[in-house]
């Protein structure tokens, strides 16, 4: 499999490193442990002669060969930053040149993979229009507002599409690399994951911090504070809207636009977060924790935790051992 990794100034050092290291480990295992040949021909390329990482290290890139048509392009993310910093980065001349190059590769039928904030560049080029995608959960509100034509689901870690694949936040680069290795050989991907002590994760949802998402909008911030003060009670959209001096329709619309979910869905996220905190930090039994977050019994809470986190109370408590 011929892979070009497209490096841009200010990229996330760890994202680049884990991508290259995973591919190198895969080739080593394929050749030494499985008795075959290296499966991946990986080159680091750039739209500029000199590229520096987010930590200031020089990245040794090759010029892009216009006559070469690779199987995959991998786009590491920029160094994590604020929404304002990311928007500025998207307008840089080298990023605009990279966007044009991605469109040329796409026209040639090359598959494109991006992780974390790198998914913004694909969306900016229009490559994710009318497609499902994921991105770093922390910037999902910005992504959703900037690219409403993309079907975003930031709860997922990996989302394959016709153009390639998008992956979630930060260490999603490793999940993406393992997925690409699995395209060549599921057995090889399994062995690489065991060597690196890393498993493919289906979801980002367990890592999302709800109050971080609320900071994207003043009304959602106020709703988040109200919700935390009212977790023990039953949820009422009309009551919440009245307390925030807005209409139920406005609150519903803002939650959908910013968070991609209903006010009740976000209220449930806060219940899950609080319940997980109590599971980790107290000796309360499940029924008592359920009462703290507004449920009559522990069975309902167990169902919610399993649905949202993919894990039950025993697994969550085992994290502390």
C-alpha atoms as a PDB file:
ATOM      1  CA  UNK A   1       0.000   0.000   0.000  1.00  0.00           C
ATOM      2  CA  UNK A   2       1.485   3.335  -1.077  1.00  0.00           C
ATOM      3  CA  UNK A   3       0.820   6.029   1.541  1.00  0.00           C
ATOM      4  CA  UNK A   4       1.767   9.700   1.472  1.00  0.00           C
ATOM      5  CA  UNK A   5       1.660  11.561   4.778  1.00  0.00           C
ATOM      6  CA  UNK A   6       1.066  15.257   4.089  1.00  0.00           C
ATOM      7  CA  UNK A   7       2.862  17.402   6.670  1.00  0.00           C
ATOM      8  CA  UNK A   8       2.005  21.057   7.245  1.00  0.00           C
ATOM      9  CA  UNK A   9       3.629  23.665   9.475  1.00  0.00           C
ATOM     10  CA  UNK A  10       2.532  23.496  13.098  1.00  0.00           C
ATOM     11  CA  UNK A  11       1.332  19.900  12.948  1.00  0.00           C
ATOM     12  CA  UNK A  12       0.619  17.871  16.088  1.00  0.00           C
ATOM     13  CA  UNK A  13       3.908  16.103  16.825  1.00  0.00           C
ATOM     14  CA  UNK A  14       2.350  13.093  18.535  1.00  0.00           C
ATOM     15  CA  UNK A  15      -0.162  12.578  15.743  1.00  0.00           C
ATOM     16  CA  UNK A  16       2.583  12.429  13.128  1.00  0.00           C
ATOM     17  CA  UNK A  17       4.830  10.243  15.276  1.00  0.00           C
ATOM     18  CA  UNK A  18       2.235   7.591  16.141  1.00  0.00           C
ATOM     19  CA  UNK A  19       1.140   7.370  12.511  1.00  0.00           C
ATOM     20  CA  UNK A  20       4.681   6.781  11.249  1.00  0.00           C
ATOM     21  CA  UNK A  21       5.615   4.509  14.153  1.00  0.00           C
ATOM     22  CA  UNK A  22       2.537   2.298  13.713  1.00  0.00           C
ATOM     23  CA  UNK A  23       3.290   1.837  10.014  1.00  0.00           C
ATOM     24  CA  UNK A  24       6.944   1.086  10.791  1.00  0.00           C
ATOM     25  CA  UNK A  25       5.974  -1.502  13.401  1.00  0.00           C
ATOM     26  CA  UNK A  26       3.553  -3.063  10.906  1.00  0.00           C
ATOM     27  CA  UNK A  27       6.295  -3.418   8.302  1.00  0.00           C
ATOM     28  CA  UNK A  28       8.667  -4.873  10.884  1.00  0.00           C
ATOM     29  CA  UNK A  29       6.107  -7.467  12.002  1.00  0.00           C
ATOM     30  CA  UNK A  30       5.088  -8.322   8.439  1.00  0.00           C
ATOM     31  CA  UNK A  31       8.709  -8.969   7.501  1.00  0.00           C
ATOM     32  CA  UNK A  32      10.169 -10.524  10.645  1.00  0.00           C
ATOM     33  CA  UNK A  33       7.300 -12.152  12.531  1.00  0.00           C
ATOM     34  CA  UNK A  34       5.017 -13.109   9.634  1.00  0.00           C
ATOM     35  CA  UNK A  35       7.707 -14.064   7.142  1.00  0.00           C
ATOM     36  CA  UNK A  36       6.520 -11.758   4.398  1.00  0.00           C
ATOM     37  CA  UNK A  37       7.398  -8.435   2.845  1.00  0.00           C
ATOM     38  CA  UNK A  38       6.793  -4.919   4.227  1.00  0.00           C
ATOM     39  CA  UNK A  39       3.180  -3.989   3.448  1.00  0.00           C
ATOM     40  CA  UNK A  40       3.434  -0.199   3.471  1.00  0.00           C
ATOM     41  CA  UNK A  41       5.498   2.218   1.419  1.00  0.00           C
ATOM     42  CA  UNK A  42       5.220   5.439   3.424  1.00  0.00           C
ATOM     43  CA  UNK A  43       6.610   8.836   2.388  1.00  0.00           C
ATOM     44  CA  UNK A  44       6.437  12.160   4.205  1.00  0.00           C
ATOM     45  CA  UNK A  45       5.623  14.985   1.782  1.00  0.00           C
ATOM     46  CA  UNK A  46       4.878  18.694   2.020  1.00  0.00           C
ATOM     47  CA  UNK A  47       3.646  21.613  -0.057  1.00  0.00           C
ATOM     48  CA  UNK A  48       6.645  23.617   1.210  1.00  0.00           C
ATOM     49  CA  UNK A  49      10.338  22.693   1.274  1.00  0.00           C
ATOM     50  CA  UNK A  50      10.609  23.361   4.999  1.00  0.00           C
ATOM     51  CA  UNK A  51       8.070  22.247   7.577  1.00  0.00           C
ATOM     52  CA  UNK A  52       8.258  22.665  11.345  1.00  0.00           C
ATOM     53  CA  UNK A  53       6.135  20.788  13.832  1.00  0.00           C
ATOM     54  CA  UNK A  54       4.032  22.356  16.542  1.00  0.00           C
ATOM     55  CA  UNK A  55       6.898  21.789  18.999  1.00  0.00           C
ATOM     56  CA  UNK A  56       9.365  23.463  16.645  1.00  0.00           C
ATOM     57  CA  UNK A  57      11.116  20.401  15.231  1.00  0.00           C
ATOM     58  CA  UNK A  58      12.113  20.320  11.564  1.00  0.00           C
ATOM     59  CA  UNK A  59      10.098  17.759   9.618  1.00  0.00           C
ATOM     60  CA  UNK A  60      12.068  16.246   6.692  1.00  0.00           C
ATOM     61  CA  UNK A  61       9.543  16.298   3.839  1.00  0.00           C
ATOM     62  CA  UNK A  62       9.858  15.377   0.185  1.00  0.00           C
ATOM     63  CA  UNK A  63       8.389  17.367  -2.690  1.00  0.00           C
ATOM     64  CA  UNK A  64       5.100  16.064  -4.074  1.00  0.00           C
ATOM     65  CA  UNK A  65       5.610  14.098  -7.281  1.00  0.00           C
ATOM     66  CA  UNK A  66       2.718  15.068  -9.601  1.00  0.00           C
ATOM     67  CA  UNK A  67       3.182  11.819 -11.520  1.00  0.00           C
ATOM     68  CA  UNK A  68       2.709   9.634  -8.443  1.00  0.00           C
ATOM     69  CA  UNK A  69      -0.765   8.376  -7.562  1.00  0.00           C
ATOM     70  CA  UNK A  70      -0.706   6.852  -4.062  1.00  0.00           C
ATOM     71  CA  UNK A  71      -3.355   4.602  -2.542  1.00  0.00           C
ATOM     72  CA  UNK A  72      -3.891   6.817   0.495  1.00  0.00           C
ATOM     73  CA  UNK A  73      -3.126  10.315   1.716  1.00  0.00           C
ATOM     74  CA  UNK A  74      -2.877  10.707   5.494  1.00  0.00           C
ATOM     75  CA  UNK A  75      -3.323  14.225   6.858  1.00  0.00           C
ATOM     76  CA  UNK A  76      -2.051  14.673  10.441  1.00  0.00           C
ATOM     77  CA  UNK A  77      -3.797  17.329  12.499  1.00  0.00           C
ATOM     78  CA  UNK A  78      -2.490  20.771  13.409  1.00  0.00           C
ATOM     79  CA  UNK A  79      -1.279  21.236  16.979  1.00  0.00           C
ATOM     80  CA  UNK A  80      -4.334  21.504  19.261  1.00  0.00           C
ATOM     81  CA  UNK A  81      -5.467  25.065  19.849  1.00  0.00           C
ATOM     82  CA  UNK A  82      -8.453  27.354  20.151  1.00  0.00           C
ATOM     83  CA  UNK A  83     -11.180  27.727  17.520  1.00  0.00           C
ATOM     84  CA  UNK A  84      -9.776  31.155  16.642  1.00  0.00           C
ATOM     85  CA  UNK A  85      -6.295  29.735  16.078  1.00  0.00           C
ATOM     86  CA  UNK A  86      -7.647  26.955  13.899  1.00  0.00           C
ATOM     87  CA  UNK A  87      -9.656  29.343  11.741  1.00  0.00           C
ATOM     88  CA  UNK A  88      -6.541  31.435  11.171  1.00  0.00           C
ATOM     89  CA  UNK A  89      -4.589  28.325  10.223  1.00  0.00           C
ATOM     90  CA  UNK A  90      -7.192  27.343   7.646  1.00  0.00           C
ATOM     91  CA  UNK A  91      -6.494  30.608   5.787  1.00  0.00           C
ATOM     92  CA  UNK A  92      -2.701  30.229   5.628  1.00  0.00           C
ATOM     93  CA  UNK A  93      -1.180  30.111   2.098  1.00  0.00           C
ATOM     94  CA  UNK A  94       0.387  26.674   2.634  1.00  0.00           C
ATOM     95  CA  UNK A  95      -2.904  25.296   3.941  1.00  0.00           C
ATOM     96  CA  UNK A  96      -4.735  26.689   0.898  1.00  0.00           C
ATOM     97  CA  UNK A  97      -2.144  25.004  -1.339  1.00  0.00           C
ATOM     98  CA  UNK A  98      -2.608  21.749   0.566  1.00  0.00           C
ATOM     99  CA  UNK A  99      -6.362  21.997   0.121  1.00  0.00           C
ATOM    100  CA  UNK A 100      -5.920  22.377  -3.650  1.00  0.00           C
ATOM    101  CA  UNK A 101      -3.583  19.376  -3.692  1.00  0.00           C
ATOM    102  CA  UNK A 102      -6.099  17.271  -1.751  1.00  0.00           C
ATOM    103  CA  UNK A 103      -8.725  18.110  -4.372  1.00  0.00           C
ATOM    104  CA  UNK A 104      -6.361  16.997  -7.146  1.00  0.00           C
ATOM    105  CA  UNK A 105      -5.657  13.713  -5.389  1.00  0.00           C
ATOM    106  CA  UNK A 106      -9.356  13.183  -4.790  1.00  0.00           C
ATOM    107  CA  UNK A 107     -10.058  13.747  -8.494  1.00  0.00           C
ATOM    108  CA  UNK A 108      -7.522  10.986  -9.237  1.00  0.00           C
ATOM    109  CA  UNK A 109      -9.417   8.582  -6.992  1.00  0.00           C
ATOM    110  CA  UNK A 110      -6.942   8.662  -4.113  1.00  0.00           C
ATOM    111  CA  UNK A 111      -8.425   7.913  -0.684  1.00  0.00           C
ATOM    112  CA  UNK A 112      -7.832  10.515   2.040  1.00  0.00           C
ATOM    113  CA  UNK A 113      -7.584   9.994   5.805  1.00  0.00           C
ATOM    114  CA  UNK A 114      -7.591  12.749   8.419  1.00  0.00           C
ATOM    115  CA  UNK A 115      -7.632  12.807  12.204  1.00  0.00           C
ATOM    116  CA  UNK A 116      -8.621  15.326  14.843  1.00  0.00           C
ATOM    117  CA  UNK A 117      -8.395  18.932  13.614  1.00  0.00           C
ATOM    118  CA  UNK A 118      -7.113  17.682  10.261  1.00  0.00           C
ATOM    119  CA  UNK A 119     -10.714  16.842   9.397  1.00  0.00           C
ATOM    120  CA  UNK A 120     -11.414  20.587   9.212  1.00  0.00           C
ATOM    121  CA  UNK A 121      -9.170  20.840   6.164  1.00  0.00           C
ATOM    122  CA  UNK A 122     -11.155  18.131   4.385  1.00  0.00           C
ATOM    123  CA  UNK A 123     -14.406  19.869   5.247  1.00  0.00           C
ATOM    124  CA  UNK A 124     -12.993  23.242   4.191  1.00  0.00           C
ATOM    125  CA  UNK A 125     -12.223  21.743   0.765  1.00  0.00           C
ATOM    126  CA  UNK A 126     -15.804  20.500   0.449  1.00  0.00           C
ATOM    127  CA  UNK A 127     -14.693  16.860   0.456  1.00  0.00           C
ATOM    128  CA  UNK A 128     -17.018  15.943   3.313  1.00  0.00           C
ATOM    129  CA  UNK A 129     -20.167  17.599   1.942  1.00  0.00           C
ATOM    130  CA  UNK A 130     -23.171  15.274   2.324  1.00  0.00           C
ATOM    131  CA  UNK A 131     -20.911  12.707   4.020  1.00  0.00           C
ATOM    132  CA  UNK A 132     -20.775  11.353   7.544  1.00  0.00           C
ATOM    133  CA  UNK A 133     -17.685  12.376   9.489  1.00  0.00           C
ATOM    134  CA  UNK A 134     -16.163  12.650  12.939  1.00  0.00           C
ATOM    135  CA  UNK A 135     -13.655  15.117  14.357  1.00  0.00           C
ATOM    136  CA  UNK A 136     -12.075  16.119  17.638  1.00  0.00           C
ATOM    137  CA  UNK A 137     -14.958  16.200  20.097  1.00  0.00           C
ATOM    138  CA  UNK A 138     -13.700  19.428  21.694  1.00  0.00           C
ATOM    139  CA  UNK A 139     -14.246  21.422  18.479  1.00  0.00           C
ATOM    140  CA  UNK A 140     -17.411  19.667  17.350  1.00  0.00           C
ATOM    141  CA  UNK A 141     -19.574  22.794  17.967  1.00  0.00           C
ATOM    142  CA  UNK A 142     -17.325  24.851  15.674  1.00  0.00           C
ATOM    143  CA  UNK A 143     -17.280  22.108  13.044  1.00  0.00           C
ATOM    144  CA  UNK A 144     -21.056  21.756  13.150  1.00  0.00           C
ATOM    145  CA  UNK A 145     -21.608  25.511  12.723  1.00  0.00           C
ATOM    146  CA  UNK A 146     -18.943  25.972  10.040  1.00  0.00           C
ATOM    147  CA  UNK A 147     -19.878  22.914   7.958  1.00  0.00           C
ATOM    148  CA  UNK A 148     -23.626  22.323   8.332  1.00  0.00           C
ATOM    149  CA  UNK A 149     -23.635  20.236   5.147  1.00  0.00           C
ATOM    150  CA  UNK A 150     -21.540  17.521   6.863  1.00  0.00           C
ATOM    151  CA  UNK A 151     -23.308  14.817   8.897  1.00  0.00           C
ATOM    152  CA  UNK A 152     -21.106  15.058  11.979  1.00  0.00           C
ATOM    153  CA  UNK A 153     -21.102  12.393  14.680  1.00  0.00           C
ATOM    154  CA  UNK A 154     -18.327  13.192  17.130  1.00  0.00           C
ATOM    155  CA  UNK A 155     -19.338  10.309  19.393  1.00  0.00           C
ATOM    156  CA  UNK A 156     -17.630   7.937  16.939  1.00  0.00           C
ATOM    157  CA  UNK A 157     -13.871   7.429  16.757  1.00  0.00           C
ATOM    158  CA  UNK A 158     -13.669   6.344  13.113  1.00  0.00           C
ATOM    159  CA  UNK A 159     -16.061   7.127  10.252  1.00  0.00           C
ATOM    160  CA  UNK A 160     -15.232   5.577   6.854  1.00  0.00           C
ATOM    161  CA  UNK A 161     -16.780   7.315   3.815  1.00  0.00           C
ATOM    162  CA  UNK A 162     -16.515   7.225   0.036  1.00  0.00           C
ATOM    163  CA  UNK A 163     -13.607   9.694   0.096  1.00  0.00           C
ATOM    164  CA  UNK A 164     -11.648   7.813   2.756  1.00  0.00           C
ATOM    165  CA  UNK A 165     -11.953   8.059   6.532  1.00  0.00           C
ATOM    166  CA  UNK A 166     -12.056  10.603   9.347  1.00  0.00           C
ATOM    167  CA  UNK A 167     -10.924   9.969  12.922  1.00  0.00           C
ATOM    168  CA  UNK A 168     -11.443  11.573  16.301  1.00  0.00           C
ATOM    169  CA  UNK A 169      -9.345  13.593  18.699  1.00  0.00           C
ATOM    170  CA  UNK A 170      -5.584  13.541  19.291  1.00  0.00           C
ATOM    171  CA  UNK A 171      -4.743   9.860  19.805  1.00  0.00           C
ATOM    172  CA  UNK A 172      -7.329   9.039  17.164  1.00  0.00           C
ATOM    173  CA  UNK A 173      -4.278   9.193  14.890  1.00  0.00           C
ATOM    174  CA  UNK A 174      -3.311   5.782  16.267  1.00  0.00           C
ATOM    175  CA  UNK A 175      -6.815   4.386  15.766  1.00  0.00           C
ATOM    176  CA  UNK A 176      -6.645   5.650  12.188  1.00  0.00           C
ATOM    177  CA  UNK A 177      -3.248   4.020  11.583  1.00  0.00           C
ATOM    178  CA  UNK A 178      -4.488   0.686  12.961  1.00  0.00           C
ATOM    179  CA  UNK A 179      -7.565   0.915  10.718  1.00  0.00           C
ATOM    180  CA  UNK A 180      -5.379   1.483   7.649  1.00  0.00           C
ATOM    181  CA  UNK A 181      -3.157  -1.453   8.626  1.00  0.00           C
ATOM    182  CA  UNK A 182      -6.286  -3.557   9.008  1.00  0.00           C
ATOM    183  CA  UNK A 183      -7.275  -2.722   5.438  1.00  0.00           C
ATOM    184  CA  UNK A 184      -4.129  -4.525   4.296  1.00  0.00           C
ATOM    185  CA  UNK A 185      -4.305  -7.339   6.850  1.00  0.00           C
ATOM    186  CA  UNK A 186      -6.616  -7.727   9.867  1.00  0.00           C
ATOM    187  CA  UNK A 187      -4.134 -10.201  11.361  1.00  0.00           C
ATOM    188  CA  UNK A 188      -1.310  -7.693  11.015  1.00  0.00           C
ATOM    189  CA  UNK A 189      -3.409  -4.932  12.609  1.00  0.00           C
ATOM    190  CA  UNK A 190      -4.152  -7.220  15.547  1.00  0.00           C
ATOM    191  CA  UNK A 191      -0.465  -7.941  16.060  1.00  0.00           C
ATOM    192  CA  UNK A 192       0.485  -4.256  15.824  1.00  0.00           C
ATOM    193  CA  UNK A 193      -2.154  -3.352  18.407  1.00  0.00           C
ATOM    194  CA  UNK A 194      -0.705  -5.973  20.769  1.00  0.00           C
ATOM    195  CA  UNK A 195       2.847  -4.720  20.269  1.00  0.00           C
ATOM    196  CA  UNK A 196       1.762  -1.129  20.915  1.00  0.00           C
ATOM    197  CA  UNK A 197      -0.701  -1.997  23.718  1.00  0.00           C
ATOM    198  CA  UNK A 198      -3.383  -0.157  21.745  1.00  0.00           C
ATOM    199  CA  UNK A 199      -6.841  -1.258  20.683  1.00  0.00           C
ATOM    200  CA  UNK A 200      -9.187   0.263  18.150  1.00  0.00           C
ATOM    201  CA  UNK A 201     -11.800   2.310  19.978  1.00  0.00           C
ATOM    202  CA  UNK A 202     -15.237   2.500  18.434  1.00  0.00           C
ATOM    203  CA  UNK A 203     -16.362   5.645  20.256  1.00  0.00           C
ATOM    204  CA  UNK A 204     -15.142   8.993  21.543  1.00  0.00           C
ATOM    205  CA  UNK A 205     -18.273   9.421  23.639  1.00  0.00           C
ATOM    206  CA  UNK A 206     -16.721   8.224  26.934  1.00  0.00           C
ATOM    207  CA  UNK A 207     -14.058  10.959  26.662  1.00  0.00           C
ATOM    208  CA  UNK A 208     -16.318  13.933  25.947  1.00  0.00           C
ATOM    209  CA  UNK A 209     -16.484  16.650  28.630  1.00  0.00           C
ATOM    210  CA  UNK A 210     -19.982  18.192  28.380  1.00  0.00           C
ATOM    211  CA  UNK A 211     -19.219  21.558  29.997  1.00  0.00           C
ATOM    212  CA  UNK A 212     -16.373  22.138  27.509  1.00  0.00           C
ATOM    213  CA  UNK A 213     -18.876  21.869  24.650  1.00  0.00           C
ATOM    214  CA  UNK A 214     -21.244  24.295  26.390  1.00  0.00           C
ATOM    215  CA  UNK A 215     -18.606  27.049  26.249  1.00  0.00           C
ATOM    216  CA  UNK A 216     -19.244  27.416  22.507  1.00  0.00           C
ATOM    217  CA  UNK A 217     -22.474  29.375  23.050  1.00  0.00           C
ATOM    218  CA  UNK A 218     -23.734  31.709  25.843  1.00  0.00           C
ATOM    219  CA  UNK A 219     -27.236  30.220  25.897  1.00  0.00           C
ATOM    220  CA  UNK A 220     -25.880  26.679  26.081  1.00  0.00           C
ATOM    221  CA  UNK A 221     -23.573  27.741  28.928  1.00  0.00           C
ATOM    222  CA  UNK A 222     -26.554  29.049  30.887  1.00  0.00           C
ATOM    223  CA  UNK A 223     -28.504  25.893  30.104  1.00  0.00           C
ATOM    224  CA  UNK A 224     -25.591  23.760  31.301  1.00  0.00           C
ATOM    225  CA  UNK A 225     -25.497  25.603  34.648  1.00  0.00           C
ATOM    226  CA  UNK A 226     -29.266  25.277  35.040  1.00  0.00           C
ATOM    227  CA  UNK A 227     -29.132  21.574  34.171  1.00  0.00           C
ATOM    228  CA  UNK A 228     -26.436  20.834  36.752  1.00  0.00           C
ATOM    229  CA  UNK A 229     -28.531  22.537  39.428  1.00  0.00           C
ATOM    230  CA  UNK A 230     -31.547  20.433  38.468  1.00  0.00           C
ATOM    231  CA  UNK A 231     -30.122  16.959  37.836  1.00  0.00           C
ATOM    232  CA  UNK A 232     -32.128  15.427  40.675  1.00  0.00           C
ATOM    233  CA  UNK A 233     -35.423  16.550  39.177  1.00  0.00           C
ATOM    234  CA  UNK A 234     -37.176  15.375  36.048  1.00  0.00           C
ATOM    235  CA  UNK A 235     -36.370  17.257  32.857  1.00  0.00           C
ATOM    236  CA  UNK A 236     -38.881  19.708  31.402  1.00  0.00           C
ATOM    237  CA  UNK A 237     -37.969  21.634  28.235  1.00  0.00           C
ATOM    238  CA  UNK A 238     -40.557  24.307  29.020  1.00  0.00           C
ATOM    239  CA  UNK A 239     -39.277  24.730  32.580  1.00  0.00           C
ATOM    240  CA  UNK A 240     -35.678  24.993  31.367  1.00  0.00           C
ATOM    241  CA  UNK A 241     -36.548  27.557  28.694  1.00  0.00           C
ATOM    242  CA  UNK A 242     -38.554  29.624  31.154  1.00  0.00           C
ATOM    243  CA  UNK A 243     -35.677  29.667  33.648  1.00  0.00           C
ATOM    244  CA  UNK A 244     -33.355  30.876  30.878  1.00  0.00           C
ATOM    245  CA  UNK A 245     -35.806  33.569  29.679  1.00  0.00           C
ATOM    246  CA  UNK A 246     -36.040  32.042  26.211  1.00  0.00           C
ATOM    247  CA  UNK A 247     -38.497  29.926  24.257  1.00  0.00           C
ATOM    248  CA  UNK A 248     -38.547  26.143  24.119  1.00  0.00           C
ATOM    249  CA  UNK A 249     -38.117  26.370  20.356  1.00  0.00           C
ATOM    250  CA  UNK A 250     -35.034  28.594  20.644  1.00  0.00           C
ATOM    251  CA  UNK A 251     -33.394  26.322  23.231  1.00  0.00           C
ATOM    252  CA  UNK A 252     -34.143  23.264  21.126  1.00  0.00           C
ATOM    253  CA  UNK A 253     -32.740  24.914  17.990  1.00  0.00           C
ATOM    254  CA  UNK A 254     -29.558  26.137  19.683  1.00  0.00           C
ATOM    255  CA  UNK A 255     -28.814  22.744  21.225  1.00  0.00           C
ATOM    256  CA  UNK A 256     -29.274  21.026  17.876  1.00  0.00           C
ATOM    257  CA  UNK A 257     -27.091  23.586  16.080  1.00  0.00           C
ATOM    258  CA  UNK A 258     -24.267  23.670  18.651  1.00  0.00           C
ATOM    259  CA  UNK A 259     -24.321  20.224  20.220  1.00  0.00           C
ATOM    260  CA  UNK A 260     -26.037  18.141  17.564  1.00  0.00           C
ATOM    261  CA  UNK A 261     -28.542  16.861  20.107  1.00  0.00           C
ATOM    262  CA  UNK A 262     -31.702  17.866  21.939  1.00  0.00           C
ATOM    263  CA  UNK A 263     -31.737  19.636  25.322  1.00  0.00           C
ATOM    264  CA  UNK A 264     -32.862  16.345  26.870  1.00  0.00           C
ATOM    265  CA  UNK A 265     -29.940  14.542  25.210  1.00  0.00           C
ATOM    266  CA  UNK A 266     -27.482  17.035  26.702  1.00  0.00           C
ATOM    267  CA  UNK A 267     -29.221  16.797  30.100  1.00  0.00           C
ATOM    268  CA  UNK A 268     -28.678  13.026  29.934  1.00  0.00           C
ATOM    269  CA  UNK A 269     -24.983  13.593  29.139  1.00  0.00           C
ATOM    270  CA  UNK A 270     -24.644  15.628  32.327  1.00  0.00           C
ATOM    271  CA  UNK A 271     -26.393  12.895  34.307  1.00  0.00           C
ATOM    272  CA  UNK A 272     -23.938  10.332  32.954  1.00  0.00           C
ATOM    273  CA  UNK A 273     -20.973  12.563  33.778  1.00  0.00           C
ATOM    274  CA  UNK A 274     -22.177  13.114  37.351  1.00  0.00           C
ATOM    275  CA  UNK A 275     -22.972   9.435  37.851  1.00  0.00           C
ATOM    276  CA  UNK A 276     -19.541   8.390  36.580  1.00  0.00           C
ATOM    277  CA  UNK A 277     -17.923  10.869  38.967  1.00  0.00           C
ATOM    278  CA  UNK A 278     -19.837   9.390  41.914  1.00  0.00           C
ATOM    279  CA  UNK A 279     -19.018   5.835  40.833  1.00  0.00           C
ATOM    280  CA  UNK A 280     -15.330   6.718  40.793  1.00  0.00           C
ATOM    281  CA  UNK A 281     -15.231   8.976  43.830  1.00  0.00           C
ATOM    282  CA  UNK A 282     -17.692   7.622  46.382  1.00  0.00           C
ATOM    283  CA  UNK A 283     -18.792   4.426  48.092  1.00  0.00           C
ATOM    284  CA  UNK A 284     -22.457   5.042  47.273  1.00  0.00           C
ATOM    285  CA  UNK A 285     -24.424   2.119  45.901  1.00  0.00           C
ATOM    286  CA  UNK A 286     -25.990   2.307  42.469  1.00  0.00           C
ATOM    287  CA  UNK A 287     -29.503   3.121  43.707  1.00  0.00           C
ATOM    288  CA  UNK A 288     -28.177   6.067  45.746  1.00  0.00           C
ATOM    289  CA  UNK A 289     -26.190   7.368  42.777  1.00  0.00           C
ATOM    290  CA  UNK A 290     -29.261   7.006  40.582  1.00  0.00           C
ATOM    291  CA  UNK A 291     -31.243   9.154  43.006  1.00  0.00           C
ATOM    292  CA  UNK A 292     -28.526  11.837  42.880  1.00  0.00           C
ATOM    293  CA  UNK A 293     -28.991  12.181  39.121  1.00  0.00           C
ATOM    294  CA  UNK A 294     -32.762  12.009  39.032  1.00  0.00           C
ATOM    295  CA  UNK A 295     -33.582   8.317  38.555  1.00  0.00           C
ATOM    296  CA  UNK A 296     -35.843   6.208  40.723  1.00  0.00           C
ATOM    297  CA  UNK A 297     -33.674   3.095  40.597  1.00  0.00           C
ATOM    298  CA  UNK A 298     -30.253   1.833  39.623  1.00  0.00           C
ATOM    299  CA  UNK A 299     -31.533  -0.305  36.740  1.00  0.00           C
ATOM    300  CA  UNK A 300     -32.387   2.776  34.694  1.00  0.00           C
ATOM    301  CA  UNK A 301     -28.973   4.285  35.403  1.00  0.00           C
ATOM    302  CA  UNK A 302     -27.203   1.073  34.432  1.00  0.00           C
ATOM    303  CA  UNK A 303     -29.037   1.066  31.106  1.00  0.00           C
ATOM    304  CA  UNK A 304     -28.084   4.696  30.439  1.00  0.00           C
ATOM    305  CA  UNK A 305     -24.416   4.128  31.286  1.00  0.00           C
ATOM    306  CA  UNK A 306     -24.240   1.077  29.046  1.00  0.00           C
ATOM    307  CA  UNK A 307     -25.908   2.956  26.193  1.00  0.00           C
ATOM    308  CA  UNK A 308     -23.794   6.118  26.448  1.00  0.00           C
ATOM    309  CA  UNK A 309     -20.425   4.731  27.541  1.00  0.00           C
ATOM    310  CA  UNK A 310     -20.588   1.139  26.404  1.00  0.00           C
ATOM    311  CA  UNK A 311     -19.643   0.108  29.941  1.00  0.00           C
ATOM    312  CA  UNK A 312     -21.421  -0.827  33.131  1.00  0.00           C
ATOM    313  CA  UNK A 313     -20.891   0.097  36.774  1.00  0.00           C
ATOM    314  CA  UNK A 314     -18.493  -2.792  37.436  1.00  0.00           C
ATOM    315  CA  UNK A 315     -16.244  -1.830  34.516  1.00  0.00           C
ATOM    316  CA  UNK A 316     -16.208   1.816  35.566  1.00  0.00           C
ATOM    317  CA  UNK A 317     -15.257   0.938  39.130  1.00  0.00           C
ATOM    318  CA  UNK A 318     -12.590  -1.443  37.860  1.00  0.00           C
ATOM    319  CA  UNK A 319     -10.843   1.584  36.274  1.00  0.00           C
ATOM    320  CA  UNK A 320      -9.682   2.589  39.745  1.00  0.00           C
ATOM    321  CA  UNK A 321      -8.063  -0.718  40.635  1.00  0.00           C
END
